[in-house]
Amino acid sequence: MKKMYHRAHEEVHGSCFIIFEEQPPHGASGHERLSEAAIPALELVQAGFDDAEGDIISLTNDSLVINLPDDGWREDDSQKRFIQFSFERNWFCLDMPLQTLHRHEAELILRLRHGFFYLRDRPEFALKGEDVDGYDPFRKIYLYGDKTSAAEDMAFIFLQVWKFPVDWRLYVKAAAFGDKQTNWEWGEPIE
């Protein structure tokens, strides 16, 4: 996150983003198989999360009122999964379009992690030029220096909600918004 802070504040003097995704861009090959050593860890991560309607939710605050959009949810698994972080002047955010989540996944995140919201509910956190009505992302705001919480939230979503193996190779894209012509990383594997 320190690198992206520097890029936003020192290099481009404006907003920028980094995306962590499950596949390299343009459907290129590169999926890594689960190693034998990671199988026991994967089983631990998946314990209790196999059924989004199962025990894990019953252990949470059932009195929590969750008001979610009616339409636009992920319909199938044909689109790749990704999490984007946007870096603004005074804060950064984890940002996921509605189409990246099934409804039960959003409910699980809202029940088990604090601070997530839909942009339509907190439009004061809209990015410059963002269409709140047409693009209603699932978002969480962080102050600079809170990289641990951001990393924990991203790990929770990839490993426990989406059930990615712990040794799955993720790919990263990073650039500035707008006409700044920057592509710091574009489909680079995270080692």
N, C-alpha and C. Protein backbone atom coordinates (compact mmCIF):
# COMPACT_ATOMS: atom_id res chain seq x y z
N MET A 1 0.81 -1.18 0.00
CA MET A 1 0.00 0.00 0.00
C MET A 1 0.87 1.26 0.00
N LYS A 2 2.05 1.15 0.58
CA LYS A 2 2.95 2.31 0.61
C LYS A 2 3.33 2.73 -0.82
N LYS A 3 3.55 1.75 -1.68
CA LYS A 3 3.90 2.05 -3.07
C LYS A 3 2.75 2.77 -3.78
N MET A 4 1.52 2.32 -3.54
CA MET A 4 0.37 2.96 -4.19
C MET A 4 0.12 4.35 -3.62
N TYR A 5 0.37 4.55 -2.34
CA TYR A 5 0.26 5.88 -1.75
C TYR A 5 1.25 6.83 -2.45
N HIS A 6 2.47 6.36 -2.62
CA HIS A 6 3.50 7.17 -3.30
C HIS A 6 3.07 7.49 -4.74
N ARG A 7 2.56 6.50 -5.43
CA ARG A 7 2.14 6.72 -6.81
C ARG A 7 1.03 7.76 -6.90
N ALA A 8 0.04 7.66 -6.01
CA ALA A 8 -1.10 8.59 -6.03
C ALA A 8 -0.69 10.00 -5.62
N HIS A 9 0.20 10.11 -4.64
CA HIS A 9 0.52 11.42 -4.08
C HIS A 9 1.77 12.07 -4.67
N GLU A 10 2.71 11.27 -5.17
CA GLU A 10 3.97 11.83 -5.67
C GLU A 10 4.14 11.71 -7.18
N GLU A 11 3.70 10.60 -7.76
CA GLU A 11 3.93 10.39 -9.20
C GLU A 11 2.86 11.03 -10.07
N VAL A 12 1.60 10.70 -9.85
CA VAL A 12 0.54 11.20 -10.73
C VAL A 12 -0.30 12.30 -10.10
N HIS A 13 -0.12 12.52 -8.80
CA HIS A 13 -0.88 13.57 -8.08
C HIS A 13 -2.38 13.44 -8.34
N GLY A 14 -2.86 12.24 -8.22
CA GLY A 14 -4.28 11.97 -8.44
C GLY A 14 -4.61 10.52 -8.10
N SER A 15 -5.81 10.15 -8.33
CA SER A 15 -6.32 8.83 -7.98
C SER A 15 -5.70 7.73 -8.84
N CYS A 16 -5.48 6.60 -8.23
CA CYS A 16 -5.00 5.44 -8.96
C CYS A 16 -5.59 4.17 -8.34
N PHE A 17 -5.31 3.02 -8.96
CA PHE A 17 -5.92 1.77 -8.50
C PHE A 17 -4.96 0.62 -8.66
N ILE A 18 -5.26 -0.43 -7.90
CA ILE A 18 -4.58 -1.72 -8.05
C ILE A 18 -5.67 -2.79 -7.97
N ILE A 19 -5.59 -3.75 -8.87
CA ILE A 19 -6.58 -4.83 -8.94
C ILE A 19 -5.87 -6.16 -8.73
N PHE A 20 -6.41 -6.97 -7.84
CA PHE A 20 -5.94 -8.33 -7.62
C PHE A 20 -6.99 -9.24 -8.22
N GLU A 21 -6.57 -10.07 -9.20
CA GLU A 21 -7.53 -10.91 -9.89
C GLU A 21 -7.03 -12.34 -10.00
N GLU A 22 -7.97 -13.24 -10.24
CA GLU A 22 -7.67 -14.67 -10.23
C GLU A 22 -7.00 -15.17 -11.50
N GLN A 23 -7.10 -14.45 -12.60
CA GLN A 23 -6.54 -14.89 -13.87
C GLN A 23 -5.76 -13.75 -14.50
N PRO A 24 -4.78 -14.09 -15.32
CA PRO A 24 -4.12 -13.02 -16.06
C PRO A 24 -5.09 -12.40 -17.06
N PRO A 25 -4.86 -11.18 -17.50
CA PRO A 25 -5.79 -10.53 -18.44
C PRO A 25 -5.94 -11.31 -19.75
N HIS A 26 -7.06 -11.10 -20.40
CA HIS A 26 -7.36 -11.65 -21.73
C HIS A 26 -7.41 -13.17 -21.76
N GLY A 27 -7.74 -13.81 -20.63
CA GLY A 27 -7.93 -15.26 -20.60
C GLY A 27 -6.67 -16.06 -20.86
N ALA A 28 -5.49 -15.47 -20.72
CA ALA A 28 -4.24 -16.19 -20.94
C ALA A 28 -4.11 -17.30 -19.92
N SER A 29 -3.37 -18.34 -20.28
CA SER A 29 -3.17 -19.44 -19.34
C SER A 29 -2.31 -18.96 -18.19
N GLY A 30 -2.24 -19.74 -17.15
CA GLY A 30 -1.44 -19.34 -16.01
C GLY A 30 -2.03 -19.80 -14.70
N HIS A 31 -3.13 -20.55 -14.73
CA HIS A 31 -3.68 -21.06 -13.48
C HIS A 31 -2.68 -22.02 -12.87
N GLU A 32 -2.49 -21.87 -11.60
CA GLU A 32 -1.60 -22.77 -10.88
C GLU A 32 -2.44 -23.81 -10.16
N ARG A 33 -1.96 -25.01 -10.13
CA ARG A 33 -2.65 -26.08 -9.41
C ARG A 33 -2.34 -25.97 -7.92
N LEU A 34 -3.23 -26.49 -7.12
CA LEU A 34 -3.04 -26.52 -5.68
C LEU A 34 -1.93 -27.51 -5.35
N SER A 35 -0.95 -27.05 -4.58
CA SER A 35 0.15 -27.93 -4.20
C SER A 35 -0.31 -28.92 -3.14
N GLU A 36 0.36 -30.03 -3.04
CA GLU A 36 0.02 -31.04 -2.03
C GLU A 36 0.12 -30.45 -0.63
N ALA A 37 1.09 -29.58 -0.40
CA ALA A 37 1.27 -28.98 0.93
C ALA A 37 0.12 -28.07 1.31
N ALA A 38 -0.57 -27.49 0.33
CA ALA A 38 -1.64 -26.53 0.63
C ALA A 38 -2.98 -27.20 0.88
N ILE A 39 -3.13 -28.48 0.55
CA ILE A 39 -4.43 -29.14 0.69
C ILE A 39 -4.94 -29.10 2.14
N PRO A 40 -4.11 -29.45 3.15
CA PRO A 40 -4.64 -29.36 4.53
C PRO A 40 -5.06 -27.94 4.91
N ALA A 41 -4.31 -26.93 4.48
CA ALA A 41 -4.66 -25.55 4.80
C ALA A 41 -5.97 -25.17 4.13
N LEU A 42 -6.18 -25.61 2.91
CA LEU A 42 -7.42 -25.32 2.22
C LEU A 42 -8.60 -25.93 2.96
N GLU A 43 -8.44 -27.15 3.45
CA GLU A 43 -9.52 -27.79 4.19
C GLU A 43 -9.87 -27.01 5.44
N LEU A 44 -8.87 -26.42 6.12
CA LEU A 44 -9.15 -25.60 7.30
C LEU A 44 -9.90 -24.33 6.91
N VAL A 45 -9.50 -23.70 5.83
CA VAL A 45 -10.16 -22.48 5.39
C VAL A 45 -11.60 -22.75 5.03
N GLN A 46 -11.86 -23.88 4.38
CA GLN A 46 -13.21 -24.18 3.93
C GLN A 46 -14.12 -24.69 5.04
N ALA A 47 -13.57 -25.12 6.15
CA ALA A 47 -14.40 -25.66 7.23
C ALA A 47 -15.41 -24.61 7.67
N GLY A 48 -16.68 -24.95 7.59
CA GLY A 48 -17.73 -24.04 8.01
C GLY A 48 -18.20 -23.09 6.93
N PHE A 49 -17.56 -23.07 5.77
CA PHE A 49 -17.93 -22.14 4.72
C PHE A 49 -18.48 -22.84 3.48
N ASP A 50 -18.67 -24.15 3.53
CA ASP A 50 -19.14 -24.86 2.35
C ASP A 50 -20.55 -24.46 1.96
N ASP A 51 -21.36 -24.09 2.91
CA ASP A 51 -22.74 -23.71 2.64
C ASP A 51 -22.98 -22.35 3.25
N ALA A 52 -23.18 -21.36 2.41
CA ALA A 52 -23.33 -20.00 2.90
C ALA A 52 -24.54 -19.85 3.81
N GLU A 53 -25.45 -20.79 3.77
CA GLU A 53 -26.61 -20.72 4.63
C GLU A 53 -26.42 -21.57 5.89
N GLY A 54 -25.22 -22.09 6.08
CA GLY A 54 -24.97 -23.05 7.15
C GLY A 54 -24.62 -22.42 8.49
N ASP A 55 -23.87 -23.17 9.28
CA ASP A 55 -23.59 -22.82 10.67
C ASP A 55 -22.90 -21.49 10.85
N ILE A 56 -22.03 -21.13 9.95
CA ILE A 56 -21.25 -19.91 10.15
C ILE A 56 -22.15 -18.69 10.30
N ILE A 57 -23.21 -18.60 9.54
CA ILE A 57 -24.11 -17.46 9.65
C ILE A 57 -24.95 -17.56 10.92
N SER A 58 -25.31 -18.75 11.33
CA SER A 58 -26.12 -18.88 12.53
C SER A 58 -25.34 -18.45 13.77
N LEU A 59 -24.02 -18.43 13.69
CA LEU A 59 -23.20 -17.99 14.82
C LEU A 59 -23.03 -16.48 14.86
N THR A 60 -23.51 -15.78 13.87
CA THR A 60 -23.33 -14.34 13.80
C THR A 60 -24.54 -13.62 14.33
N ASN A 61 -24.49 -12.32 14.27
CA ASN A 61 -25.57 -11.47 14.76
C ASN A 61 -26.77 -11.57 13.82
N ASP A 62 -27.74 -12.39 14.18
CA ASP A 62 -28.92 -12.57 13.34
C ASP A 62 -29.84 -11.36 13.35
N SER A 63 -29.67 -10.45 14.31
CA SER A 63 -30.52 -9.27 14.36
C SER A 63 -30.02 -8.17 13.42
N LEU A 64 -28.88 -8.38 12.79
CA LEU A 64 -28.34 -7.42 11.84
C LEU A 64 -29.27 -7.32 10.63
N VAL A 65 -29.72 -6.12 10.33
CA VAL A 65 -30.58 -5.91 9.18
C VAL A 65 -29.69 -5.66 7.97
N ILE A 66 -29.84 -6.48 6.94
CA ILE A 66 -29.02 -6.34 5.74
C ILE A 66 -29.93 -5.94 4.59
N ASN A 67 -29.70 -4.75 4.07
CA ASN A 67 -30.48 -4.22 2.96
C ASN A 67 -29.59 -4.25 1.73
N LEU A 68 -29.83 -5.20 0.84
CA LEU A 68 -29.00 -5.38 -0.35
C LEU A 68 -29.79 -5.04 -1.61
N PRO A 69 -29.06 -4.68 -2.68
CA PRO A 69 -29.76 -4.44 -3.96
C PRO A 69 -30.50 -5.70 -4.42
N ASP A 70 -31.56 -5.50 -5.19
CA ASP A 70 -32.34 -6.63 -5.69
C ASP A 70 -31.75 -7.25 -6.94
N ASP A 71 -31.13 -6.44 -7.79
CA ASP A 71 -30.66 -6.91 -9.09
C ASP A 71 -29.15 -6.71 -9.24
N GLY A 72 -28.60 -7.36 -10.28
CA GLY A 72 -27.23 -7.15 -10.67
C GLY A 72 -26.21 -8.09 -10.07
N TRP A 73 -26.65 -9.07 -9.31
CA TRP A 73 -25.75 -10.00 -8.66
C TRP A 73 -25.06 -10.91 -9.66
N ARG A 74 -23.98 -11.48 -9.26
CA ARG A 74 -23.25 -12.47 -10.06
C ARG A 74 -24.20 -13.62 -10.36
N GLU A 75 -24.34 -13.96 -11.62
CA GLU A 75 -25.28 -15.00 -12.02
C GLU A 75 -24.64 -16.38 -12.13
N ASP A 76 -23.39 -16.42 -12.52
CA ASP A 76 -22.70 -17.70 -12.66
C ASP A 76 -21.21 -17.47 -12.43
N ASP A 77 -20.41 -18.48 -12.66
CA ASP A 77 -18.98 -18.37 -12.40
C ASP A 77 -18.16 -18.13 -13.67
N SER A 78 -18.79 -17.57 -14.70
CA SER A 78 -18.08 -17.37 -15.96
C SER A 78 -17.14 -16.16 -15.92
N GLN A 79 -17.40 -15.19 -15.06
CA GLN A 79 -16.54 -14.02 -14.97
C GLN A 79 -15.51 -14.22 -13.86
N LYS A 80 -14.32 -13.67 -14.08
CA LYS A 80 -13.28 -13.85 -13.08
C LYS A 80 -13.55 -13.00 -11.84
N ARG A 81 -12.99 -13.45 -10.75
CA ARG A 81 -13.12 -12.75 -9.47
C ARG A 81 -11.98 -11.75 -9.34
N PHE A 82 -12.28 -10.61 -8.74
CA PHE A 82 -11.23 -9.63 -8.49
C PHE A 82 -11.63 -8.69 -7.38
N ILE A 83 -10.63 -8.08 -6.79
CA ILE A 83 -10.81 -7.03 -5.79
C ILE A 83 -9.96 -5.85 -6.22
N GLN A 84 -10.55 -4.67 -6.21
CA GLN A 84 -9.83 -3.45 -6.58
C GLN A 84 -9.67 -2.57 -5.35
N PHE A 85 -8.52 -1.94 -5.24
CA PHE A 85 -8.29 -0.89 -4.26
C PHE A 85 -8.09 0.41 -5.03
N SER A 86 -8.82 1.44 -4.62
CA SER A 86 -8.66 2.77 -5.20
C SER A 86 -8.00 3.66 -4.16
N PHE A 87 -7.07 4.49 -4.62
CA PHE A 87 -6.29 5.34 -3.72
C PHE A 87 -6.64 6.80 -4.00
N GLU A 88 -7.19 7.44 -3.00
CA GLU A 88 -7.62 8.83 -3.08
C GLU A 88 -6.68 9.70 -2.23
N ARG A 89 -7.00 10.96 -2.12
CA ARG A 89 -6.14 11.89 -1.39
C ARG A 89 -5.98 11.51 0.09
N ASN A 90 -7.10 11.32 0.79
CA ASN A 90 -7.04 11.13 2.23
C ASN A 90 -7.39 9.71 2.70
N TRP A 91 -7.74 8.83 1.78
CA TRP A 91 -8.13 7.48 2.13
C TRP A 91 -7.98 6.57 0.92
N PHE A 92 -8.07 5.28 1.18
CA PHE A 92 -8.14 4.31 0.09
C PHE A 92 -9.27 3.35 0.40
N CYS A 93 -9.73 2.62 -0.62
CA CYS A 93 -10.89 1.76 -0.41
C CYS A 93 -10.74 0.44 -1.14
N LEU A 94 -11.34 -0.59 -0.57
CA LEU A 94 -11.54 -1.86 -1.23
C LEU A 94 -12.85 -1.72 -1.98
N ASP A 95 -12.85 -2.13 -3.23
CA ASP A 95 -13.96 -1.84 -4.12
C ASP A 95 -14.27 -3.08 -4.96
N MET A 96 -15.52 -3.54 -4.91
CA MET A 96 -15.93 -4.71 -5.69
C MET A 96 -17.26 -4.43 -6.36
N PRO A 97 -17.31 -4.50 -7.69
CA PRO A 97 -18.60 -4.33 -8.38
C PRO A 97 -19.59 -5.40 -7.93
N LEU A 98 -20.84 -5.06 -7.97
CA LEU A 98 -21.91 -5.97 -7.57
C LEU A 98 -21.79 -7.32 -8.30
N GLN A 99 -21.38 -7.30 -9.56
CA GLN A 99 -21.31 -8.52 -10.37
C GLN A 99 -20.22 -9.49 -9.91
N THR A 100 -19.35 -9.08 -8.98
CA THR A 100 -18.32 -9.99 -8.49
C THR A 100 -18.83 -10.88 -7.36
N LEU A 101 -20.03 -10.59 -6.86
CA LEU A 101 -20.54 -11.31 -5.69
C LEU A 101 -21.90 -11.96 -5.95
N HIS A 102 -22.08 -13.14 -5.37
CA HIS A 102 -23.42 -13.70 -5.23
C HIS A 102 -24.02 -13.03 -4.00
N ARG A 103 -25.32 -12.95 -3.96
CA ARG A 103 -25.99 -12.28 -2.84
C ARG A 103 -25.58 -12.87 -1.48
N HIS A 104 -25.54 -14.20 -1.37
CA HIS A 104 -25.19 -14.80 -0.08
C HIS A 104 -23.75 -14.47 0.33
N GLU A 105 -22.87 -14.23 -0.64
CA GLU A 105 -21.49 -13.85 -0.31
C GLU A 105 -21.45 -12.45 0.31
N ALA A 106 -22.21 -11.52 -0.26
CA ALA A 106 -22.28 -10.17 0.31
C ALA A 106 -22.86 -10.22 1.73
N GLU A 107 -23.88 -11.03 1.93
CA GLU A 107 -24.47 -11.17 3.27
C GLU A 107 -23.43 -11.70 4.26
N LEU A 108 -22.66 -12.70 3.84
CA LEU A 108 -21.63 -13.28 4.70
C LEU A 108 -20.58 -12.23 5.07
N ILE A 109 -20.11 -11.46 4.10
CA ILE A 109 -19.12 -10.43 4.37
C ILE A 109 -19.69 -9.39 5.33
N LEU A 110 -20.90 -8.95 5.11
CA LEU A 110 -21.51 -7.95 5.99
C LEU A 110 -21.70 -8.47 7.41
N ARG A 111 -21.97 -9.75 7.56
CA ARG A 111 -22.16 -10.31 8.90
C ARG A 111 -20.85 -10.52 9.64
N LEU A 112 -19.77 -10.84 8.91
CA LEU A 112 -18.53 -11.25 9.56
C LEU A 112 -17.41 -10.21 9.52
N ARG A 113 -17.54 -9.19 8.72
CA ARG A 113 -16.51 -8.14 8.64
C ARG A 113 -17.19 -6.79 8.86
N HIS A 114 -16.52 -5.89 9.49
CA HIS A 114 -17.10 -4.58 9.79
C HIS A 114 -16.71 -3.55 8.75
N GLY A 115 -17.62 -2.60 8.48
CA GLY A 115 -17.31 -1.42 7.69
C GLY A 115 -17.66 -1.48 6.21
N PHE A 116 -18.15 -2.60 5.71
CA PHE A 116 -18.51 -2.69 4.29
C PHE A 116 -19.87 -2.04 4.07
N PHE A 117 -20.05 -1.45 2.89
CA PHE A 117 -21.31 -0.81 2.53
C PHE A 117 -21.44 -0.75 1.02
N TYR A 118 -22.64 -0.49 0.55
CA TYR A 118 -22.86 -0.21 -0.86
C TYR A 118 -22.81 1.29 -1.06
N LEU A 119 -22.20 1.71 -2.13
CA LEU A 119 -21.97 3.13 -2.38
C LEU A 119 -23.26 3.94 -2.34
N ARG A 120 -24.37 3.38 -2.79
CA ARG A 120 -25.63 4.13 -2.77
C ARG A 120 -26.01 4.54 -1.35
N ASP A 121 -25.51 3.80 -0.35
CA ASP A 121 -25.80 4.12 1.04
C ASP A 121 -24.85 5.16 1.63
N ARG A 122 -23.70 5.38 1.00
CA ARG A 122 -22.71 6.33 1.50
C ARG A 122 -22.07 7.07 0.31
N PRO A 123 -22.86 7.83 -0.45
CA PRO A 123 -22.36 8.48 -1.67
C PRO A 123 -21.24 9.49 -1.43
N GLU A 124 -21.02 9.89 -0.19
CA GLU A 124 -19.92 10.80 0.09
C GLU A 124 -18.56 10.15 -0.18
N PHE A 125 -18.54 8.82 -0.35
CA PHE A 125 -17.31 8.11 -0.66
C PHE A 125 -17.23 7.72 -2.14
N ALA A 126 -17.97 8.40 -2.99
CA ALA A 126 -17.88 8.16 -4.44
C ALA A 126 -16.55 8.69 -4.95
N LEU A 127 -15.97 7.98 -5.89
CA LEU A 127 -14.75 8.43 -6.54
C LEU A 127 -15.11 9.52 -7.54
N LYS A 128 -14.16 10.34 -7.88
CA LYS A 128 -14.41 11.44 -8.82
C LYS A 128 -14.98 10.90 -10.13
N GLY A 129 -16.13 11.43 -10.53
CA GLY A 129 -16.76 11.02 -11.77
C GLY A 129 -17.49 9.69 -11.72
N GLU A 130 -17.59 9.08 -10.56
CA GLU A 130 -18.22 7.77 -10.44
C GLU A 130 -19.74 7.89 -10.49
N ASP A 131 -20.36 7.00 -11.23
CA ASP A 131 -21.81 6.95 -11.37
C ASP A 131 -22.38 6.09 -10.26
N VAL A 132 -22.86 6.74 -9.19
CA VAL A 132 -23.36 6.00 -8.03
C VAL A 132 -24.56 5.14 -8.40
N ASP A 133 -25.46 5.67 -9.23
CA ASP A 133 -26.66 4.91 -9.59
C ASP A 133 -26.35 3.76 -10.54
N GLY A 134 -25.47 3.97 -11.50
CA GLY A 134 -25.18 2.94 -12.49
C GLY A 134 -24.14 1.94 -12.04
N TYR A 135 -23.29 2.34 -11.12
CA TYR A 135 -22.21 1.49 -10.64
C TYR A 135 -22.24 1.57 -9.12
N ASP A 136 -22.79 0.58 -8.49
CA ASP A 136 -23.00 0.60 -7.04
C ASP A 136 -22.08 -0.42 -6.39
N PRO A 137 -20.79 -0.11 -6.24
CA PRO A 137 -19.86 -1.12 -5.73
C PRO A 137 -20.02 -1.37 -4.24
N PHE A 138 -19.58 -2.54 -3.85
CA PHE A 138 -19.45 -2.95 -2.46
C PHE A 138 -18.11 -2.37 -2.03
N ARG A 139 -18.07 -1.59 -0.97
CA ARG A 139 -16.88 -0.81 -0.66
C ARG A 139 -16.60 -0.80 0.83
N LYS A 140 -15.33 -0.60 1.15
CA LYS A 140 -14.90 -0.34 2.52
C LYS A 140 -13.78 0.71 2.45
N ILE A 141 -13.87 1.69 3.33
CA ILE A 141 -12.91 2.78 3.37
C ILE A 141 -11.86 2.50 4.44
N TYR A 142 -10.60 2.81 4.12
CA TYR A 142 -9.50 2.68 5.07
C TYR A 142 -8.73 3.99 5.10
N LEU A 143 -8.17 4.31 6.24
CA LEU A 143 -7.25 5.44 6.33
C LEU A 143 -5.86 4.92 5.96
N TYR A 144 -5.02 5.79 5.41
CA TYR A 144 -3.66 5.38 5.09
C TYR A 144 -2.99 4.93 6.39
N GLY A 145 -2.25 3.87 6.32
CA GLY A 145 -1.64 3.28 7.50
C GLY A 145 -2.41 2.07 8.01
N ASP A 146 -3.61 1.84 7.49
CA ASP A 146 -4.42 0.72 7.92
C ASP A 146 -4.32 -0.44 6.93
N LYS A 147 -3.11 -0.71 6.50
CA LYS A 147 -2.90 -1.75 5.49
C LYS A 147 -3.18 -3.16 6.03
N THR A 148 -3.02 -3.36 7.34
CA THR A 148 -3.29 -4.68 7.91
C THR A 148 -4.75 -5.05 7.77
N SER A 149 -5.66 -4.13 8.11
CA SER A 149 -7.10 -4.41 7.98
C SER A 149 -7.47 -4.67 6.53
N ALA A 150 -6.90 -3.89 5.61
CA ALA A 150 -7.20 -4.07 4.19
C ALA A 150 -6.73 -5.45 3.72
N ALA A 151 -5.54 -5.87 4.13
CA ALA A 151 -5.02 -7.18 3.74
C ALA A 151 -5.87 -8.31 4.35
N GLU A 152 -6.28 -8.14 5.59
CA GLU A 152 -7.12 -9.15 6.23
C GLU A 152 -8.47 -9.27 5.53
N ASP A 153 -9.06 -8.14 5.16
CA ASP A 153 -10.35 -8.18 4.45
C ASP A 153 -10.21 -8.86 3.09
N MET A 154 -9.14 -8.52 2.36
CA MET A 154 -8.94 -9.13 1.05
C MET A 154 -8.71 -10.65 1.20
N ALA A 155 -7.91 -11.05 2.19
CA ALA A 155 -7.66 -12.47 2.42
C ALA A 155 -8.95 -13.19 2.81
N PHE A 156 -9.77 -12.56 3.65
CA PHE A 156 -11.04 -13.16 4.05
C PHE A 156 -11.91 -13.44 2.82
N ILE A 157 -11.99 -12.46 1.92
CA ILE A 157 -12.85 -12.62 0.74
C ILE A 157 -12.30 -13.70 -0.19
N PHE A 158 -11.01 -13.63 -0.53
CA PHE A 158 -10.45 -14.62 -1.45
C PHE A 158 -10.45 -16.03 -0.85
N LEU A 159 -10.03 -16.16 0.41
CA LEU A 159 -9.83 -17.49 0.99
C LEU A 159 -11.07 -18.10 1.63
N GLN A 160 -11.85 -17.30 2.33
CA GLN A 160 -12.97 -17.88 3.06
C GLN A 160 -14.31 -17.72 2.36
N VAL A 161 -14.52 -16.60 1.70
CA VAL A 161 -15.80 -16.42 1.00
C VAL A 161 -15.75 -17.09 -0.36
N TRP A 162 -14.71 -16.79 -1.15
CA TRP A 162 -14.61 -17.35 -2.50
C TRP A 162 -13.91 -18.70 -2.52
N LYS A 163 -13.31 -19.12 -1.41
CA LYS A 163 -12.69 -20.44 -1.25
C LYS A 163 -11.52 -20.70 -2.20
N PHE A 164 -10.72 -19.68 -2.47
CA PHE A 164 -9.53 -19.89 -3.27
C PHE A 164 -8.51 -20.66 -2.43
N PRO A 165 -7.74 -21.55 -3.03
CA PRO A 165 -6.67 -22.23 -2.31
C PRO A 165 -5.64 -21.21 -1.81
N VAL A 166 -5.01 -21.53 -0.69
CA VAL A 166 -4.06 -20.59 -0.09
C VAL A 166 -2.85 -20.33 -0.98
N ASP A 167 -2.56 -21.22 -1.90
CA ASP A 167 -1.41 -20.99 -2.78
C ASP A 167 -1.83 -20.62 -4.21
N TRP A 168 -3.04 -20.15 -4.39
CA TRP A 168 -3.50 -19.73 -5.71
C TRP A 168 -2.70 -18.52 -6.16
N ARG A 169 -2.26 -18.51 -7.37
CA ARG A 169 -1.52 -17.37 -7.89
C ARG A 169 -2.51 -16.29 -8.31
N LEU A 170 -2.33 -15.09 -7.76
CA LEU A 170 -3.12 -13.93 -8.14
C LEU A 170 -2.30 -13.05 -9.07
N TYR A 171 -2.99 -12.25 -9.85
CA TYR A 171 -2.36 -11.35 -10.80
C TYR A 171 -2.75 -9.92 -10.45
N VAL A 172 -1.86 -8.99 -10.73
CA VAL A 172 -2.08 -7.61 -10.32
C VAL A 172 -2.00 -6.66 -11.51
N LYS A 173 -2.90 -5.69 -11.49
CA LYS A 173 -2.87 -4.57 -12.43
C LYS A 173 -2.86 -3.30 -11.60
N ALA A 174 -2.04 -2.33 -11.97
CA ALA A 174 -2.00 -1.05 -11.26
C ALA A 174 -1.80 0.07 -12.26
N ALA A 175 -2.61 1.11 -12.13
CA ALA A 175 -2.52 2.25 -13.04
C ALA A 175 -3.21 3.44 -12.39
N ALA A 176 -3.06 4.60 -13.03
CA ALA A 176 -3.77 5.80 -12.59
C ALA A 176 -5.09 5.88 -13.33
N PHE A 177 -6.08 6.47 -12.69
CA PHE A 177 -7.34 6.74 -13.36
C PHE A 177 -7.15 7.87 -14.36
N GLY A 178 -8.01 7.89 -15.37
CA GLY A 178 -8.02 9.02 -16.30
C GLY A 178 -6.99 8.91 -17.39
N ASP A 179 -6.53 10.06 -17.84
CA ASP A 179 -5.64 10.14 -19.00
C ASP A 179 -4.17 10.20 -18.62
N LYS A 180 -3.80 9.65 -17.51
CA LYS A 180 -2.42 9.77 -17.04
C LYS A 180 -1.45 8.83 -17.76
N GLN A 181 -1.96 7.87 -18.55
CA GLN A 181 -1.13 6.94 -19.32
C GLN A 181 -0.11 6.20 -18.46
N THR A 182 -0.58 5.61 -17.40
CA THR A 182 0.29 4.83 -16.53
C THR A 182 -0.23 3.40 -16.47
N ASN A 183 0.66 2.48 -16.60
CA ASN A 183 0.39 1.07 -16.35
C ASN A 183 1.61 0.53 -15.61
N TRP A 184 1.61 0.69 -14.30
CA TRP A 184 2.78 0.25 -13.55
C TRP A 184 2.92 -1.26 -13.60
N GLU A 185 1.83 -1.97 -13.37
CA GLU A 185 1.80 -3.41 -13.53
C GLU A 185 0.56 -3.74 -14.34
N TRP A 186 0.66 -4.74 -15.20
CA TRP A 186 -0.49 -5.12 -16.00
C TRP A 186 -0.50 -6.63 -16.19
N GLY A 187 -1.17 -7.33 -15.25
CA GLY A 187 -1.25 -8.78 -15.34
C GLY A 187 -0.03 -9.49 -14.79
N GLU A 188 0.69 -8.84 -13.91
CA GLU A 188 1.88 -9.44 -13.31
C GLU A 188 1.48 -10.44 -12.24
N PRO A 189 2.08 -11.64 -12.23
CA PRO A 189 1.75 -12.60 -11.16
C PRO A 189 2.38 -12.13 -9.84
N ILE A 190 1.67 -12.37 -8.75
CA ILE A 190 2.23 -12.07 -7.44
C ILE A 190 3.00 -13.28 -6.99
N GLU A 191 4.23 -13.07 -6.70
CA GLU A 191 5.12 -14.19 -6.27
C GLU A 191 5.15 -14.29 -4.77
